[in-house]
Amino acid sequence: MKLEEIKDNAKKVKDNAKKYIEMCKLLNADSRTPKIAKILLWITIGYALSPIDLIPDFIPIIGYLDDLIILPALLYLAIKSIPKDVYTENYNQVFKKEVI
């Protein structure tokens, strides 16, 4: 993956951050979402916002790798534990809104 592609992907994630947070709120409020998925979502958000890391960021390269590995892994586990129809419905509700 080229550096430009990485920058473009990072910008897309940043631009959609509010939508992802809104989606997490909807999934958390949805009674069909399994408790384990809700717990994993909260752990993911908490870890992302926490100033405490497993490996401190001041350690070159390795300090940032834990964030690049742990956060996507937690998010992947949370998403995989949500029934597909529940995830799709909430995703469409957030990302497919009509713009007026």
C-alpha atoms as a PDB file:
ATOM      1  CA  MET A   1       0.000   0.000   0.000  1.00  0.00           C
ATOM      2  CA  LYS A   2       1.394   3.376  -1.014  1.00  0.00           C
ATOM      3  CA  LEU A   3       1.745   6.291   1.361  1.00  0.00           C
ATOM      4  CA  GLU A   4      -0.850   8.295  -0.582  1.00  0.00           C
ATOM      5  CA  GLU A   5      -3.382   5.467  -0.234  1.00  0.00           C
ATOM      6  CA  ILE A   6      -2.740   5.313   3.497  1.00  0.00           C
ATOM      7  CA  LYS A   7      -3.242   9.081   3.799  1.00  0.00           C
ATOM      8  CA  ASP A   8      -6.461   8.903   1.781  1.00  0.00           C
ATOM      9  CA  ASN A   9      -7.792   6.060   3.936  1.00  0.00           C
ATOM     10  CA  ALA A  10      -6.881   7.909   7.138  1.00  0.00           C
ATOM     11  CA  LYS A  11      -8.703  11.013   5.889  1.00  0.00           C
ATOM     12  CA  LYS A  12     -11.811   8.958   5.082  1.00  0.00           C
ATOM     13  CA  VAL A  13     -11.812   7.446   8.570  1.00  0.00           C
ATOM     14  CA  LYS A  14     -11.381  10.884  10.129  1.00  0.00           C
ATOM     15  CA  ASP A  15     -14.184  12.336   8.005  1.00  0.00           C
ATOM     16  CA  ASN A  16     -16.535   9.530   9.019  1.00  0.00           C
ATOM     17  CA  ALA A  17     -15.551   9.403  12.718  1.00  0.00           C
ATOM     18  CA  LYS A  18     -18.769  11.093  13.851  1.00  0.00           C
ATOM     19  CA  LYS A  19     -20.816   8.644  11.817  1.00  0.00           C
ATOM     20  CA  TYR A  20     -18.969   5.674  13.320  1.00  0.00           C
ATOM     21  CA  ILE A  21     -19.589   7.021  16.820  1.00  0.00           C
ATOM     22  CA  GLU A  22     -23.270   7.497  15.977  1.00  0.00           C
ATOM     23  CA  MET A  23     -23.394   3.939  14.675  1.00  0.00           C
ATOM     24  CA  CYS A  24     -21.821   2.627  17.891  1.00  0.00           C
ATOM     25  CA  LYS A  25     -24.499   4.477  19.866  1.00  0.00           C
ATOM     26  CA  LEU A  26     -27.243   2.932  17.739  1.00  0.00           C
ATOM     27  CA  LEU A  27     -25.766  -0.557  18.045  1.00  0.00           C
ATOM     28  CA  ASN A  28     -25.452  -0.092  21.805  1.00  0.00           C
ATOM     29  CA  ALA A  29     -29.103   0.982  22.049  1.00  0.00           C
ATOM     30  CA  ASP A  30     -30.342  -1.835  19.795  1.00  0.00           C
ATOM     31  CA  SER A  31     -31.685  -4.680  21.934  1.00  0.00           C
ATOM     32  CA  ARG A  32     -30.743  -7.196  19.215  1.00  0.00           C
ATOM     33  CA  THR A  33     -27.034  -6.433  19.627  1.00  0.00           C
ATOM     34  CA  PRO A  34     -25.410  -9.146  21.793  1.00  0.00           C
ATOM     35  CA  LYS A  35     -23.965  -8.039  25.127  1.00  0.00           C
ATOM     36  CA  ILE A  36     -20.473  -9.221  24.153  1.00  0.00           C
ATOM     37  CA  ALA A  37     -20.562  -6.928  21.110  1.00  0.00           C
ATOM     38  CA  LYS A  38     -21.629  -3.984  23.263  1.00  0.00           C
ATOM     39  CA  ILE A  39     -18.815  -4.700  25.711  1.00  0.00           C
ATOM     40  CA  LEU A  40     -16.269  -4.947  22.884  1.00  0.00           C
ATOM     41  CA  LEU A  41     -17.497  -1.670  21.385  1.00  0.00           C
ATOM     42  CA  TRP A  42     -17.108   0.109  24.729  1.00  0.00           C
ATOM     43  CA  ILE A  43     -13.654  -1.392  25.269  1.00  0.00           C
ATOM     44  CA  THR A  44     -12.627  -0.255  21.778  1.00  0.00           C
ATOM     45  CA  ILE A  45     -13.865   3.294  22.342  1.00  0.00           C
ATOM     46  CA  GLY A  46     -12.330   3.401  25.816  1.00  0.00           C
ATOM     47  CA  TYR A  47      -8.964   2.152  24.585  1.00  0.00           C
ATOM     48  CA  ALA A  48      -8.984   4.628  21.688  1.00  0.00           C
ATOM     49  CA  LEU A  49      -9.679   7.558  24.007  1.00  0.00           C
ATOM     50  CA  SER A  50      -7.501   6.408  26.894  1.00  0.00           C
ATOM     51  CA  PRO A  51      -4.140   8.091  27.398  1.00  0.00           C
ATOM     52  CA  ILE A  52      -2.839   4.762  28.713  1.00  0.00           C
ATOM     53  CA  ASP A  53      -1.427   2.321  26.134  1.00  0.00           C
ATOM     54  CA  LEU A  54      -0.088  -1.199  26.502  1.00  0.00           C
ATOM     55  CA  ILE A  55       3.117   0.047  24.884  1.00  0.00           C
ATOM     56  CA  PRO A  56       3.778   3.781  25.415  1.00  0.00           C
ATOM     57  CA  ASP A  57       3.790   5.885  22.244  1.00  0.00           C
ATOM     58  CA  PHE A  58       7.168   7.434  23.049  1.00  0.00           C
ATOM     59  CA  ILE A  59       8.829   4.116  22.136  1.00  0.00           C
ATOM     60  CA  PRO A  60       9.640   4.539  18.426  1.00  0.00           C
ATOM     61  CA  ILE A  61       7.498   2.571  15.965  1.00  0.00           C
ATOM     62  CA  ILE A  62       6.419  -0.141  18.422  1.00  0.00           C
ATOM     63  CA  GLY A  63       4.536   2.406  20.527  1.00  0.00           C
ATOM     64  CA  TYR A  64       2.158   3.130  17.671  1.00  0.00           C
ATOM     65  CA  LEU A  65       1.897  -0.453  16.452  1.00  0.00           C
ATOM     66  CA  ASP A  66      -0.170  -1.504  19.454  1.00  0.00           C
ATOM     67  CA  ASP A  67      -2.822   1.050  18.483  1.00  0.00           C
ATOM     68  CA  LEU A  68      -2.705  -0.049  14.854  1.00  0.00           C
ATOM     69  CA  ILE A  69      -3.171  -3.694  15.823  1.00  0.00           C
ATOM     70  CA  ILE A  70      -5.342  -3.696  18.958  1.00  0.00           C
ATOM     71  CA  LEU A  71      -8.014  -1.190  17.881  1.00  0.00           C
ATOM     72  CA  PRO A  72      -8.825  -2.821  14.531  1.00  0.00           C
ATOM     73  CA  ALA A  73      -8.766  -6.260  16.168  1.00  0.00           C
ATOM     74  CA  LEU A  74     -11.247  -5.190  18.857  1.00  0.00           C
ATOM     75  CA  LEU A  75     -13.476  -3.533  16.282  1.00  0.00           C
ATOM     76  CA  TYR A  76     -13.332  -6.620  14.054  1.00  0.00           C
ATOM     77  CA  LEU A  77     -14.359  -8.871  16.957  1.00  0.00           C
ATOM     78  CA  ALA A  78     -17.211  -6.547  17.907  1.00  0.00           C
ATOM     79  CA  ILE A  79     -18.538  -6.393  14.348  1.00  0.00           C
ATOM     80  CA  LYS A  80     -18.256 -10.154  13.854  1.00  0.00           C
ATOM     81  CA  SER A  81     -20.278 -10.763  17.025  1.00  0.00           C
ATOM     82  CA  ILE A  82     -23.194  -8.635  15.761  1.00  0.00           C
ATOM     83  CA  PRO A  83     -25.802 -10.390  13.593  1.00  0.00           C
ATOM     84  CA  LYS A  84     -25.394  -9.274   9.990  1.00  0.00           C
ATOM     85  CA  ASP A  85     -28.951  -7.961   9.642  1.00  0.00           C
ATOM     86  CA  VAL A  86     -28.621  -5.832  12.793  1.00  0.00           C
ATOM     87  CA  TYR A  87     -25.276  -4.419  11.666  1.00  0.00           C
ATOM     88  CA  THR A  88     -26.540  -3.707   8.132  1.00  0.00           C
ATOM     89  CA  GLU A  89     -29.706  -2.011   9.360  1.00  0.00           C
ATOM     90  CA  ASN A  90     -27.783   0.297  11.707  1.00  0.00           C
ATOM     91  CA  TYR A  91     -25.088   0.948   9.102  1.00  0.00           C
ATOM     92  CA  ASN A  92     -27.680   1.959   6.518  1.00  0.00           C
ATOM     93  CA  GLN A  93     -29.435   4.164   9.036  1.00  0.00           C
ATOM     94  CA  VAL A  94     -26.239   6.169   9.616  1.00  0.00           C
ATOM     95  CA  PHE A  95     -24.408   6.093   6.297  1.00  0.00           C
ATOM     96  CA  LYS A  96     -27.286   6.070   3.813  1.00  0.00           C
ATOM     97  CA  LYS A  97     -29.156   9.090   5.165  1.00  0.00           C
ATOM     98  CA  GLU A  98     -30.736  11.384   2.606  1.00  0.00           C
ATOM     99  CA  VAL A  99     -28.943  14.714   2.285  1.00  0.00           C
ATOM    100  CA  ILE A 100     -31.383  17.604   1.883  1.00  0.00           C
END
